[in-house]
Amino acid sequence: MSTVNIVEHIQSILEELRPTILQDGGDIHFIRFENGTVFVKLYGACVSCPVSFITLKMGLEAQIKQRIPEVISVEAIEE
């Protein structure tokens, strides 16, 4: 799969999962895909939530890796 297709697929998965995150008062935005890693930015309640790491790794990362084998990890960045 080309990098453009991978990015489009990642963004599609994020849009699919976004309503659940928004429902809990947070949000997540795609930043970039680089060397197998998806970089995202957390907003709202996700920033201070003590379980956001679990949501990121066990939820979002697991979903993306299951659907896109080229993805190795998902990491939240702070700007």
C-alpha atoms as a PDB file:
ATOM      1  CA  MET A   1       0.000   0.000   0.000  1.00  0.00           C
ATOM      2  CA  SER A   2       1.369   3.442  -0.859  1.00  0.00           C
ATOM      3  CA  THR A   3       2.042   6.045   1.818  1.00  0.00           C
ATOM      4  CA  VAL A   4      -0.828   8.179   0.487  1.00  0.00           C
ATOM      5  CA  ASN A   5      -3.220   5.226   0.788  1.00  0.00           C
ATOM      6  CA  ILE A   6      -1.957   4.435   4.288  1.00  0.00           C
ATOM      7  CA  VAL A   7      -2.528   8.037   5.415  1.00  0.00           C
ATOM      8  CA  GLU A   8      -6.021   8.063   3.913  1.00  0.00           C
ATOM      9  CA  HIS A   9      -6.838   4.776   5.649  1.00  0.00           C
ATOM     10  CA  ILE A  10      -5.479   6.066   8.988  1.00  0.00           C
ATOM     11  CA  GLN A  11      -7.586   9.224   8.689  1.00  0.00           C
ATOM     12  CA  SER A  12     -10.650   7.118   7.861  1.00  0.00           C
ATOM     13  CA  ILE A  13     -10.154   4.979  10.974  1.00  0.00           C
ATOM     14  CA  LEU A  14      -9.681   8.079  13.130  1.00  0.00           C
ATOM     15  CA  GLU A  15     -12.934   9.547  11.781  1.00  0.00           C
ATOM     16  CA  GLU A  16     -14.683   6.276  12.578  1.00  0.00           C
ATOM     17  CA  LEU A  17     -13.412   6.297  16.187  1.00  0.00           C
ATOM     18  CA  ARG A  18     -13.695  10.068  16.764  1.00  0.00           C
ATOM     19  CA  PRO A  19     -17.373  10.076  17.916  1.00  0.00           C
ATOM     20  CA  THR A  20     -16.526   7.845  20.864  1.00  0.00           C
ATOM     21  CA  ILE A  21     -13.624  10.077  21.863  1.00  0.00           C
ATOM     22  CA  LEU A  22     -15.742  13.224  21.450  1.00  0.00           C
ATOM     23  CA  GLN A  23     -18.442  11.675  23.611  1.00  0.00           C
ATOM     24  CA  ASP A  24     -15.936  11.518  26.476  1.00  0.00           C
ATOM     25  CA  GLY A  25     -14.961  15.190  26.014  1.00  0.00           C
ATOM     26  CA  GLY A  26     -11.758  14.651  24.078  1.00  0.00           C
ATOM     27  CA  ASP A  27     -10.574  14.723  20.508  1.00  0.00           C
ATOM     28  CA  ILE A  28      -7.737  13.351  18.421  1.00  0.00           C
ATOM     29  CA  HIS A  29      -6.162  14.639  15.214  1.00  0.00           C
ATOM     30  CA  PHE A  30      -3.806  12.976  12.774  1.00  0.00           C
ATOM     31  CA  ILE A  31      -0.435  14.755  12.514  1.00  0.00           C
ATOM     32  CA  ARG A  32       1.715  12.506  10.339  1.00  0.00           C
ATOM     33  CA  PHE A  33       2.764   8.969   9.413  1.00  0.00           C
ATOM     34  CA  GLU A  34       6.504   8.376   9.484  1.00  0.00           C
ATOM     35  CA  ASN A  35       8.591   5.175   9.520  1.00  0.00           C
ATOM     36  CA  GLY A  36       5.652   3.017  10.570  1.00  0.00           C
ATOM     37  CA  THR A  37       4.535   5.344  13.359  1.00  0.00           C
ATOM     38  CA  VAL A  38       1.307   7.306  13.388  1.00  0.00           C
ATOM     39  CA  PHE A  39       1.631  10.599  15.251  1.00  0.00           C
ATOM     40  CA  VAL A  40      -1.537  12.120  16.692  1.00  0.00           C
ATOM     41  CA  LYS A  41      -2.387  15.113  18.867  1.00  0.00           C
ATOM     42  CA  LEU A  42      -4.795  14.723  21.784  1.00  0.00           C
ATOM     43  CA  TYR A  43      -7.186  17.505  22.784  1.00  0.00           C
ATOM     44  CA  GLY A  44      -9.720  18.269  25.489  1.00  0.00           C
ATOM     45  CA  ALA A  45     -10.305  15.691  28.189  1.00  0.00           C
ATOM     46  CA  CYS A  46      -7.801  13.326  26.532  1.00  0.00           C
ATOM     47  CA  VAL A  47      -4.925  15.600  27.535  1.00  0.00           C
ATOM     48  CA  SER A  48      -5.469  15.220  31.280  1.00  0.00           C
ATOM     49  CA  CYS A  49      -7.187  11.824  31.333  1.00  0.00           C
ATOM     50  CA  PRO A  50      -5.205   9.260  33.345  1.00  0.00           C
ATOM     51  CA  VAL A  51      -6.300   6.435  31.034  1.00  0.00           C
ATOM     52  CA  SER A  52      -5.661   8.208  27.721  1.00  0.00           C
ATOM     53  CA  PHE A  53      -2.498   6.116  27.234  1.00  0.00           C
ATOM     54  CA  ILE A  54      -4.592   2.946  27.513  1.00  0.00           C
ATOM     55  CA  THR A  55      -7.171   4.332  25.076  1.00  0.00           C
ATOM     56  CA  LEU A  56      -4.389   5.295  22.691  1.00  0.00           C
ATOM     57  CA  LYS A  57      -2.532   1.976  22.814  1.00  0.00           C
ATOM     58  CA  MET A  58      -5.245  -0.618  23.512  1.00  0.00           C
ATOM     59  CA  GLY A  59      -7.951   1.077  21.482  1.00  0.00           C
ATOM     60  CA  LEU A  60      -6.687   3.269  18.706  1.00  0.00           C
ATOM     61  CA  GLU A  61      -3.316   1.608  18.078  1.00  0.00           C
ATOM     62  CA  ALA A  62      -4.832  -1.879  18.172  1.00  0.00           C
ATOM     63  CA  GLN A  63      -7.540  -0.909  15.653  1.00  0.00           C
ATOM     64  CA  ILE A  64      -5.102   0.749  13.256  1.00  0.00           C
ATOM     65  CA  LYS A  65      -2.476  -2.019  13.444  1.00  0.00           C
ATOM     66  CA  GLN A  66      -5.127  -4.657  12.856  1.00  0.00           C
ATOM     67  CA  ARG A  67      -6.283  -2.930   9.666  1.00  0.00           C
ATOM     68  CA  ILE A  68      -2.973  -1.520   8.402  1.00  0.00           C
ATOM     69  CA  PRO A  69      -0.009  -3.912   8.769  1.00  0.00           C
ATOM     70  CA  GLU A  70       2.463  -1.153   7.860  1.00  0.00           C
ATOM     71  CA  VAL A  71       1.691   0.647  11.140  1.00  0.00           C
ATOM     72  CA  ILE A  72       4.050  -0.272  13.973  1.00  0.00           C
ATOM     73  CA  SER A  73       2.822   2.136  16.656  1.00  0.00           C
ATOM     74  CA  VAL A  74       0.663   5.162  17.436  1.00  0.00           C
ATOM     75  CA  GLU A  75       2.198   7.949  19.496  1.00  0.00           C
ATOM     76  CA  ALA A  76       0.697  11.122  20.930  1.00  0.00           C
ATOM     77  CA  ILE A  77       2.774  14.248  20.516  1.00  0.00           C
ATOM     78  CA  GLU A  78       2.762  17.525  22.399  1.00  0.00           C
ATOM     79  CA  GLU A  79       3.256  20.748  20.502  1.00  0.00           C
END
